Amino acid sequence: MSTSPIERVLQRACDLLSFLGVPYHFYGGLVVAAWGDPRNTRDVDVVVIPSVDTPEKILSGGADAGFFFDPERARLDLLTSKFTRMGLGRSHLDLFLGSTPFDRAASARRRRIILFGHEIDVASAEDLIVYKLVAGRPRDLSDVESILVRQRGTLSVSYMEEWVSRISQDLGRPEVVGSLERLLRLRYR
């Protein structure tokens, strides 16, 4: 049985994360299926909670796991933006170094699920909602709606409100709070 491009990226990402031996959580479109309505995606998103030597381990392990990327560019990206993209065929892994208090809180609340036959750690439904609200694209807001509908009555609204408030203040983006309030009113309450 052949595997999809996304399954191959997830498998290689699992190999890389096993090599790194650091806390991580997948989030993004792939994880929406765990908490909301499944949808197509062309990438796998992961937050890694780094230790001092994690960036160099990522580059070494990523190459060993079969991802393609420019090592110098990836090194610079990890140092400056805490993000790098590693390709594999037509899909890719978007890897973020979790450097914020929210990333660390989300990591502490991560959940273990089975996806494509792999046990993986994913962002909780509440944390995925916060990540999606901050991204704020129409597709992300649709994902939030589907999670709110499927998880009705199970979510910690106060937790989401607290983090959305803090992050929107830090980013100077009050519209993030407005999006959460509107979507809760329409789809959750």
Protein backbone atom coordinates (compact mmCIF):
# COMPACT_ATOMS: atom_id res chain seq x y z
CA MET A 1 0.00 0.00 0.00
CA SER A 2 1.46 3.37 -0.99
CA THR A 3 1.52 6.28 1.41
CA SER A 4 0.47 9.84 0.64
CA PRO A 5 3.01 12.67 0.47
CA ILE A 6 1.73 14.00 3.80
CA GLU A 7 2.09 10.58 5.44
CA ARG A 8 5.70 10.42 4.21
CA VAL A 9 6.45 13.88 5.65
CA LEU A 10 4.84 12.89 8.95
CA GLN A 11 6.89 9.65 9.09
CA ARG A 12 10.14 11.51 8.42
CA ALA A 13 9.17 14.23 10.90
CA CYS A 14 8.59 11.53 13.53
CA ASP A 15 12.06 10.14 12.76
CA LEU A 16 13.54 13.63 13.13
CA LEU A 17 11.71 14.36 16.38
CA SER A 18 12.77 11.01 17.80
CA PHE A 19 16.37 11.93 16.92
CA LEU A 20 16.02 15.36 18.56
CA GLY A 21 14.57 13.96 21.77
CA VAL A 22 12.91 17.29 22.67
CA PRO A 23 9.27 18.15 23.43
CA TYR A 24 7.20 18.91 20.34
CA HIS A 25 3.62 19.15 19.18
CA PHE A 26 2.12 19.01 15.74
CA TYR A 27 -0.53 21.57 14.89
CA GLY A 28 -1.97 23.07 11.72
CA GLY A 29 -4.25 21.61 9.08
CA LEU A 30 -3.18 18.03 9.66
CA VAL A 31 -4.18 18.18 13.34
CA VAL A 32 -7.51 19.88 12.65
CA ALA A 33 -8.81 16.40 11.79
CA ALA A 34 -8.28 15.33 15.41
CA TRP A 35 -10.47 18.13 16.82
CA GLY A 36 -12.58 19.42 13.92
CA ASP A 37 -13.37 18.61 10.30
CA PRO A 38 -10.61 16.98 8.23
CA ARG A 39 -9.30 18.95 5.28
CA ASN A 40 -6.53 18.67 2.73
CA THR A 41 -3.15 20.17 3.48
CA ARG A 42 0.22 20.14 1.73
CA ASP A 43 2.40 20.52 4.79
CA VAL A 44 3.03 19.26 8.29
CA ASP A 45 3.45 21.91 10.99
CA VAL A 46 5.35 21.24 14.19
CA VAL A 47 6.55 23.29 17.16
CA VAL A 48 9.73 22.05 18.84
CA ILE A 49 10.60 23.28 22.32
CA PRO A 50 14.31 23.81 21.86
CA SER A 51 17.36 23.24 23.99
CA VAL A 52 20.60 25.09 23.29
CA ASP A 53 21.83 22.70 20.60
CA THR A 54 18.46 22.01 18.95
CA PRO A 55 19.00 24.14 15.79
CA GLU A 56 22.14 22.23 14.83
CA LYS A 57 20.46 18.92 15.65
CA ILE A 58 17.52 19.90 13.43
CA LEU A 59 19.81 20.52 10.49
CA SER A 60 21.76 17.32 10.99
CA GLY A 61 18.70 15.19 11.69
CA GLY A 62 16.65 16.76 8.91
CA ALA A 63 19.25 15.83 6.33
CA ASP A 64 19.54 12.31 7.75
CA ALA A 65 15.74 11.93 7.64
CA GLY A 66 15.79 12.73 3.90
CA PHE A 67 14.45 16.28 3.91
CA PHE A 68 15.90 18.71 1.40
CA PHE A 69 16.80 22.28 2.37
CA ASP A 70 19.66 24.75 2.09
CA PRO A 71 21.62 24.25 5.35
CA GLU A 72 22.97 27.80 5.53
CA ARG A 73 19.59 29.37 4.82
CA ALA A 74 17.91 27.04 7.32
CA ARG A 75 20.50 27.89 9.99
CA LEU A 76 19.90 31.61 9.46
CA ASP A 77 16.11 31.15 9.44
CA LEU A 78 16.20 29.22 12.73
CA LEU A 79 18.37 31.87 14.36
CA THR A 80 16.36 34.87 13.15
CA SER A 81 12.75 33.80 12.68
CA LYS A 82 12.72 30.52 14.66
CA PHE A 83 11.28 28.79 11.56
CA THR A 84 12.52 26.63 8.73
CA ARG A 85 10.89 24.68 5.92
CA MET A 86 12.16 21.26 4.91
CA GLY A 87 10.94 19.72 1.68
CA LEU A 88 10.12 16.14 0.84
CA GLY A 89 8.70 15.55 -2.61
CA ARG A 90 5.69 17.80 -3.20
CA SER A 91 5.10 18.36 0.51
CA HIS A 92 7.09 19.89 3.31
CA LEU A 93 7.64 20.17 7.04
CA ASP A 94 7.25 23.62 8.60
CA LEU A 95 9.28 23.51 11.79
CA PHE A 96 9.05 26.25 14.41
CA LEU A 97 11.23 26.67 17.48
CA GLY A 98 8.74 27.30 20.28
CA SER A 99 10.16 30.37 21.91
CA THR A 100 7.11 32.00 23.47
CA PRO A 101 5.37 31.40 26.80
CA PHE A 102 2.34 30.25 24.81
CA ASP A 103 4.38 27.65 22.90
CA ARG A 104 5.67 26.26 26.19
CA ALA A 105 2.15 26.20 27.69
CA ALA A 106 0.83 24.45 24.57
CA SER A 107 3.64 21.91 24.81
CA ALA A 108 2.78 21.18 28.44
CA ARG A 109 -0.86 20.54 27.40
CA ARG A 110 -0.12 18.49 24.28
CA ARG A 111 -2.13 15.33 23.64
CA ARG A 112 -1.01 12.00 22.22
CA ILE A 113 -3.01 10.62 19.30
CA ILE A 114 -2.54 8.02 16.59
CA LEU A 115 -2.38 9.42 13.06
CA PHE A 116 -1.47 7.33 10.02
CA GLY A 117 -0.37 4.60 12.42
CA HIS A 118 2.06 6.83 14.35
CA GLU A 119 1.70 7.93 17.94
CA ILE A 120 2.28 11.67 17.84
CA ASP A 121 1.94 14.62 20.19
CA VAL A 122 -0.47 17.29 19.00
CA ALA A 123 -1.67 20.65 20.26
CA SER A 124 -4.80 20.42 22.40
CA ALA A 125 -8.01 21.65 20.78
CA GLU A 126 -7.81 24.93 22.73
CA ASP A 127 -4.18 25.53 21.79
CA LEU A 128 -4.84 24.73 18.13
CA ILE A 129 -7.67 27.27 18.20
CA VAL A 130 -5.32 29.92 19.60
CA TYR A 131 -2.66 29.17 16.95
CA LYS A 132 -5.30 29.33 14.21
CA LEU A 133 -6.79 32.61 15.50
CA VAL A 134 -3.36 34.25 15.55
CA ALA A 135 -2.68 33.08 11.98
CA GLY A 136 -6.06 34.58 11.11
CA ARG A 137 -6.38 33.48 7.47
CA PRO A 138 -9.90 32.57 6.24
CA ARG A 139 -8.92 28.87 6.14
CA ASP A 140 -7.70 29.10 9.76
CA LEU A 141 -10.93 30.72 10.92
CA SER A 142 -12.93 27.97 9.17
CA ASP A 143 -10.79 25.43 11.03
CA VAL A 144 -11.61 27.18 14.32
CA GLU A 145 -15.32 27.03 13.50
CA SER A 146 -15.16 23.28 12.83
CA ILE A 147 -13.26 22.65 16.08
CA LEU A 148 -15.74 24.73 18.09
CA VAL A 149 -18.67 22.79 16.63
CA ARG A 150 -17.13 19.33 17.18
CA GLN A 151 -15.78 20.14 20.63
CA ARG A 152 -18.86 22.02 21.89
CA GLY A 153 -19.07 21.76 25.67
CA THR A 154 -15.57 20.33 26.16
CA LEU A 155 -13.28 23.33 25.72
CA SER A 156 -11.77 25.61 28.34
CA VAL A 157 -13.04 28.94 27.06
CA SER A 158 -11.31 30.87 29.86
CA TYR A 159 -7.95 29.35 28.88
CA MET A 160 -8.42 30.42 25.25
CA GLU A 161 -9.63 33.89 26.24
CA GLU A 162 -6.61 34.40 28.50
CA TRP A 163 -4.04 33.42 25.86
CA VAL A 164 -5.77 35.23 22.99
CA SER A 165 -5.90 38.38 25.12
CA ARG A 166 -2.21 38.14 26.05
CA ILE A 167 -1.02 37.35 22.53
CA SER A 168 -3.17 39.99 20.86
CA GLN A 169 -1.79 42.60 23.28
CA ASP A 170 1.79 41.46 22.65
CA LEU A 171 1.26 41.60 18.87
CA GLY A 172 -0.86 44.76 18.87
CA ARG A 173 -3.66 42.84 17.11
CA PRO A 174 -6.97 43.40 18.95
CA GLU A 175 -8.85 41.78 16.05
CA VAL A 176 -7.70 38.37 17.33
CA VAL A 177 -9.80 38.84 20.48
CA GLY A 178 -12.71 39.96 18.32
CA SER A 179 -12.43 36.84 16.15
CA LEU A 180 -12.53 34.55 19.19
CA GLU A 181 -15.52 36.38 20.68
CA ARG A 182 -17.43 36.31 17.37
CA LEU A 183 -16.73 32.63 16.69
CA LEU A 184 -17.62 31.59 20.24
CA ARG A 185 -20.92 33.46 19.97
CA LEU A 186 -21.72 31.94 16.55
CA ARG A 187 -20.49 28.37 16.97
CA TYR A 188 -20.00 27.47 20.61
CA ARG A 189 -22.42 29.17 22.95
